[in-house]
């Protein structure tokens, strides 16, 4: 798995899950939470080293949620 594959998977998963949720949380909080959740799930089922997948998750959060991740 490459970072671009992980990013595509995360974008699709986060978009699908946020769309299915109600408006009780801000969209940014939901997106952030689902991105973290996906990273943990992929790290648990993937044959790659966990630290590589966690690195992809960290990079994705930094690329996608720059302002949000530092303010929270």
C-alpha atoms as a PDB file:
ATOM      1  CA  UNK A   1       0.000   0.000   0.000  1.00  0.00           C
ATOM      2  CA  UNK A   2       1.255   3.451  -0.849  1.00  0.00           C
ATOM      3  CA  UNK A   3       0.318   6.782   0.672  1.00  0.00           C
ATOM      4  CA  UNK A   4      -1.702   7.718  -2.411  1.00  0.00           C
ATOM      5  CA  UNK A   5      -3.733   4.490  -2.064  1.00  0.00           C
ATOM      6  CA  UNK A   6      -4.257   5.145   1.640  1.00  0.00           C
ATOM      7  CA  UNK A   7      -5.286   8.761   0.936  1.00  0.00           C
ATOM      8  CA  UNK A   8      -7.817   7.657  -1.675  1.00  0.00           C
ATOM      9  CA  UNK A   9      -9.245   5.032   0.685  1.00  0.00           C
ATOM     10  CA  UNK A  10      -9.432   7.557   3.520  1.00  0.00           C
ATOM     11  CA  UNK A  11     -11.095  10.220   1.349  1.00  0.00           C
ATOM     12  CA  UNK A  12     -13.784   7.792   0.190  1.00  0.00           C
ATOM     13  CA  UNK A  13     -14.369   6.298   3.652  1.00  0.00           C
ATOM     14  CA  UNK A  14     -14.506   9.649   5.449  1.00  0.00           C
ATOM     15  CA  UNK A  15     -16.858  11.167   2.848  1.00  0.00           C
ATOM     16  CA  UNK A  16     -19.194   8.138   3.062  1.00  0.00           C
ATOM     17  CA  UNK A  17     -19.280   8.046   6.860  1.00  0.00           C
ATOM     18  CA  UNK A  18     -19.737  11.793   7.337  1.00  0.00           C
ATOM     19  CA  UNK A  19     -22.613  11.775   4.850  1.00  0.00           C
ATOM     20  CA  UNK A  20     -24.315   8.983   6.831  1.00  0.00           C
ATOM     21  CA  UNK A  21     -24.059  10.840  10.167  1.00  0.00           C
ATOM     22  CA  UNK A  22     -26.402  13.404  11.624  1.00  0.00           C
ATOM     23  CA  UNK A  23     -25.568  17.062  12.258  1.00  0.00           C
ATOM     24  CA  UNK A  24     -24.789  16.698  16.003  1.00  0.00           C
ATOM     25  CA  UNK A  25     -21.056  17.327  15.456  1.00  0.00           C
ATOM     26  CA  UNK A  26     -19.172  19.660  13.171  1.00  0.00           C
ATOM     27  CA  UNK A  27     -18.169  18.107   9.845  1.00  0.00           C
ATOM     28  CA  UNK A  28     -14.482  18.715  10.586  1.00  0.00           C
ATOM     29  CA  UNK A  29     -14.689  16.822  13.887  1.00  0.00           C
ATOM     30  CA  UNK A  30     -16.446  13.902  12.212  1.00  0.00           C
ATOM     31  CA  UNK A  31     -13.949  13.803   9.349  1.00  0.00           C
ATOM     32  CA  UNK A  32     -11.037  13.863  11.782  1.00  0.00           C
ATOM     33  CA  UNK A  33     -12.557  11.105  13.938  1.00  0.00           C
ATOM     34  CA  UNK A  34     -13.308   8.845  10.975  1.00  0.00           C
ATOM     35  CA  UNK A  35      -9.812   9.376   9.545  1.00  0.00           C
ATOM     36  CA  UNK A  36      -8.298   8.254  12.861  1.00  0.00           C
ATOM     37  CA  UNK A  37     -10.710   5.309  13.021  1.00  0.00           C
ATOM     38  CA  UNK A  38      -9.832   4.196   9.486  1.00  0.00           C
ATOM     39  CA  UNK A  39      -6.111   4.388  10.233  1.00  0.00           C
ATOM     40  CA  UNK A  40      -6.526   2.105  13.232  1.00  0.00           C
ATOM     41  CA  UNK A  41      -8.647  -0.358  11.238  1.00  0.00           C
ATOM     42  CA  UNK A  42      -6.215  -0.510   8.324  1.00  0.00           C
ATOM     43  CA  UNK A  43      -3.230  -0.890  10.655  1.00  0.00           C
ATOM     44  CA  UNK A  44      -4.982  -3.846  12.274  1.00  0.00           C
ATOM     45  CA  UNK A  45      -5.778  -5.714   9.062  1.00  0.00           C
ATOM     46  CA  UNK A  46      -2.947  -4.761   6.720  1.00  0.00           C
ATOM     47  CA  UNK A  47       0.138  -6.884   6.132  1.00  0.00           C
ATOM     48  CA  UNK A  48       2.361  -3.808   6.186  1.00  0.00           C
ATOM     49  CA  UNK A  49       4.168  -2.704   9.304  1.00  0.00           C
ATOM     50  CA  UNK A  50       1.854  -0.904  11.699  1.00  0.00           C
ATOM     51  CA  UNK A  51       4.206   2.073  11.959  1.00  0.00           C
ATOM     52  CA  UNK A  52       4.038   2.554   8.174  1.00  0.00           C
ATOM     53  CA  UNK A  53       0.226   2.670   8.196  1.00  0.00           C
ATOM     54  CA  UNK A  54       0.197   4.916  11.260  1.00  0.00           C
ATOM     55  CA  UNK A  55       2.639   7.184   9.425  1.00  0.00           C
ATOM     56  CA  UNK A  56       0.231   7.331   6.487  1.00  0.00           C
ATOM     57  CA  UNK A  57      -2.558   8.227   8.926  1.00  0.00           C
ATOM     58  CA  UNK A  58      -0.477  10.960  10.501  1.00  0.00           C
ATOM     59  CA  UNK A  59       0.453  12.352   7.109  1.00  0.00           C
ATOM     60  CA  UNK A  60      -3.182  12.261   5.996  1.00  0.00           C
ATOM     61  CA  UNK A  61      -4.293  14.157   9.106  1.00  0.00           C
ATOM     62  CA  UNK A  62      -1.579  16.754   8.600  1.00  0.00           C
ATOM     63  CA  UNK A  63      -2.380  17.155   4.894  1.00  0.00           C
ATOM     64  CA  UNK A  64      -6.140  17.264   5.322  1.00  0.00           C
ATOM     65  CA  UNK A  65      -6.726  18.884   8.708  1.00  0.00           C
ATOM     66  CA  UNK A  66      -3.844  21.312   9.144  1.00  0.00           C
ATOM     67  CA  UNK A  67      -5.795  24.011  10.971  1.00  0.00           C
ATOM     68  CA  UNK A  68      -8.129  21.669  12.833  1.00  0.00           C
ATOM     69  CA  UNK A  69      -5.506  19.255  14.168  1.00  0.00           C
ATOM     70  CA  UNK A  70      -3.394  22.005  15.671  1.00  0.00           C
ATOM     71  CA  UNK A  71      -6.320  23.870  17.216  1.00  0.00           C
ATOM     72  CA  UNK A  72      -7.697  20.749  18.961  1.00  0.00           C
END
